[in-house]
Amino acid sequence: MAMRIQPLGLIGVAALIAVSARIEAAGAEFSAEMERRGPDGEVSAGKMYVGDGRTRMEMSQQGREVIRISDQNRGMEWILFPDEQSYLERGAPPGAKPAAPPAEPSAEISPCAAIPEMTCRRVGVEDVNGRPAVKWEMTMAQQGQTLTGAQWLDQARGIPLKSVAPNGQTMELKVLGEE
């Protein structure tokens, strides 16, 4: 069975990189329920576990179980397909150095700070699954078009609780436990 990959575009990829970096940089250990909704309305639900420079996401996509494990310390990522008993392994390109995370993640630090081609504007504070979050509007010019997305950062931890990509794809976390 071929796996369909939903194109995110440059702003979507940049936003996902920013999300991963902020979660790992937060240094907090937690678990959360995760819901991703594609531009076509397809919903993927799962769980996320974060701790010690590692992130594990377990979800069902297009009817198949997928587990994604990222290890920031080793610069490695694994994508497991348990039903097929197969996996993909990706490492950072040779010579690549991981980006230095911010010293203290904060909802008040722009998620665009490390992405020069993107600009962010603080919109305000909104509730996301019972947690106060700072909403940031993200814009980027690509091939003559202005692309807009948004990200909500947990006020207490600075981690992304919700994001919306220009193509309509959304991701939302509901924090379950703090280790």
Foldseek 3Di string as FASTA:
>chain_A
DDDDDDDQPPVRVLVVVLQLLLLLLLQWWFKWWKWKAALVRDIKIWMWTDHDQKIWTWIADPRFIWIWIARRVQQKIKIAGVVVRDIDIDGDPPPDDDDDGDNAAALPDDSCPPPVQKDKDFDQWDAAQNFIWTKIWMWGDDPNDIAIKMFTAGHVRNHTQKIAGSSGMIMGIRTDDTD
